[in-house]
C-alpha atoms as a PDB file:
ATOM      1  CA  MET A   1     135.953 199.838 212.341  1.00  0.00           C
ATOM      2  CA  LEU A   2     135.509 200.827 215.954  1.00  0.00           C
ATOM      3  CA  GLN A   3     134.372 204.428 215.780  1.00  0.00           C
ATOM      4  CA  TYR A   4     131.489 206.370 214.344  1.00  0.00           C
ATOM      5  CA  SER A   5     132.029 209.477 216.454  1.00  0.00           C
ATOM      6  CA  VAL A   6     134.776 210.510 218.828  1.00  0.00           C
ATOM      7  CA  TYR A   7     134.188 212.789 221.798  1.00  0.00           C
ATOM      8  CA  ILE A   8     136.680 214.036 224.348  1.00  0.00           C
ATOM      9  CA  ARG A   9     136.162 215.089 227.940  1.00  0.00           C
ATOM     10  CA  HIS A  10     138.892 216.425 230.193  1.00  0.00           C
ATOM     11  CA  CYS A  11     138.657 215.238 233.786  1.00  0.00           C
ATOM     12  CA  ALA A  12     140.933 216.823 236.355  1.00  0.00           C
ATOM     13  CA  SER A  13     141.185 213.648 238.424  1.00  0.00           C
ATOM     14  CA  GLY A  14     140.485 209.926 238.374  1.00  0.00           C
ATOM     15  CA  GLU A  15     137.531 210.466 240.694  1.00  0.00           C
ATOM     16  CA  SER A  16     136.024 212.949 238.266  1.00  0.00           C
ATOM     17  CA  ALA A  17     136.467 210.436 235.438  1.00  0.00           C
ATOM     18  CA  VAL A  18     134.581 207.791 237.438  1.00  0.00           C
ATOM     19  CA  VAL A  19     131.646 210.188 237.850  1.00  0.00           C
ATOM     20  CA  HIS A  20     131.434 210.767 234.102  1.00  0.00           C
ATOM     21  CA  ILE A  21     131.867 207.084 233.273  1.00  0.00           C
ATOM     22  CA  ASN A  22     128.954 206.268 235.592  1.00  0.00           C
ATOM     23  CA  ARG A  23     126.843 208.923 233.849  1.00  0.00           C
ATOM     24  CA  VAL A  24     127.522 207.289 230.502  1.00  0.00           C
ATOM     25  CA  ARG A  25     126.611 203.873 231.949  1.00  0.00           C
ATOM     26  CA  MET A  26     123.241 205.260 233.006  1.00  0.00           C
ATOM     27  CA  ILE A  27     122.318 206.679 229.581  1.00  0.00           C
ATOM     28  CA  VAL A  28     123.800 204.233 227.063  1.00  0.00           C
ATOM     29  CA  PRO A  29     121.034 202.571 225.004  1.00  0.00           C
ATOM     30  CA  ASP A  30     120.426 198.831 225.440  1.00  0.00           C
ATOM     31  CA  ASP A  31     121.919 198.134 222.019  1.00  0.00           C
ATOM     32  CA  GLY A  32     124.591 200.846 222.311  1.00  0.00           C
ATOM     33  CA  LEU A  33     128.351 200.451 222.424  1.00  0.00           C
ATOM     34  CA  VAL A  34     130.518 203.054 224.122  1.00  0.00           C
ATOM     35  CA  SER A  35     134.260 202.619 224.532  1.00  0.00           C
ATOM     36  CA  ILE A  36     136.076 204.853 227.005  1.00  0.00           C
ATOM     37  CA  VAL A  37     139.835 205.313 226.979  1.00  0.00           C
ATOM     38  CA  LYS A  38     141.459 207.113 229.888  1.00  0.00           C
ATOM     39  CA  ILE A  39     144.809 208.732 229.144  1.00  0.00           C
ATOM     40  CA  THR A  40     147.028 211.147 231.017  1.00  0.00           C
ATOM     41  CA  ASP A  41     147.765 214.723 229.944  1.00  0.00           C
ATOM     42  CA  LYS A  42     151.257 213.588 228.926  1.00  0.00           C
ATOM     43  CA  GLN A  43     149.879 210.784 226.746  1.00  0.00           C
ATOM     44  CA  PHE A  44     147.396 213.201 225.165  1.00  0.00           C
ATOM     45  CA  GLY A  45     150.234 215.622 224.449  1.00  0.00           C
ATOM     46  CA  ASP A  46     152.139 212.879 222.636  1.00  0.00           C
ATOM     47  CA  ILE A  47     149.322 212.154 220.146  1.00  0.00           C
ATOM     48  CA  VAL A  48     150.525 212.076 216.551  1.00  0.00           C
ATOM     49  CA  ASN A  49     147.996 213.318 213.984  1.00  0.00           C
ATOM     50  CA  ILE A  50     148.535 212.218 210.395  1.00  0.00           C
ATOM     51  CA  ILE A  51     146.534 214.210 207.894  1.00  0.00           C
ATOM     52  CA  GLY A  52     146.359 213.512 204.142  1.00  0.00           C
ATOM     53  CA  LYS A  53     148.956 214.657 201.638  1.00  0.00           C
ATOM     54  CA  LYS A  54     147.992 218.317 201.367  1.00  0.00           C
ATOM     55  CA  ALA A  55     149.426 220.331 204.214  1.00  0.00           C
ATOM     56  CA  LYS A  56     147.191 223.073 205.576  1.00  0.00           C
ATOM     57  CA  PRO A  57     148.688 226.084 207.308  1.00  0.00           C
ATOM     58  CA  PRO A  58     148.276 225.926 211.080  1.00  0.00           C
ATOM     59  CA  PRO A  59     145.388 227.996 212.426  1.00  0.00           C
ATOM     60  CA  THR A  60     146.240 231.372 213.854  1.00  0.00           C
ATOM     61  CA  ALA A  61     146.369 231.474 217.624  1.00  0.00           C
ATOM     62  CA  PRO A  62     143.266 233.080 219.147  1.00  0.00           C
ATOM     63  CA  MET A  63     143.614 236.228 221.219  1.00  0.00           C
ATOM     64  CA  GLN A  64     144.005 235.562 224.920  1.00  0.00           C
ATOM     65  CA  LEU A  65     141.265 236.801 227.186  1.00  0.00           C
ATOM     66  CA  GLU A  66     142.396 238.148 230.536  1.00  0.00           C
ATOM     67  CA  LEU A  67     139.982 238.371 233.437  1.00  0.00           C
ATOM     68  CA  PHE A  68     140.822 240.313 236.562  1.00  0.00           C
END
């Protein structure tokens, strides 16, 4: 098994991703293991989630907040 926890971070550009990857490199423990996968917005949008046999109703969409 590869994962214990999964975290996601959106980076608007490849340069931004490099900054965050370097931050992780600086703080990972000596005996730690961190795997980073970079994917595009399109690839993220194509993720297929398979969830057990009981179907849950989709969550209701939150109200949109408009700022002017």
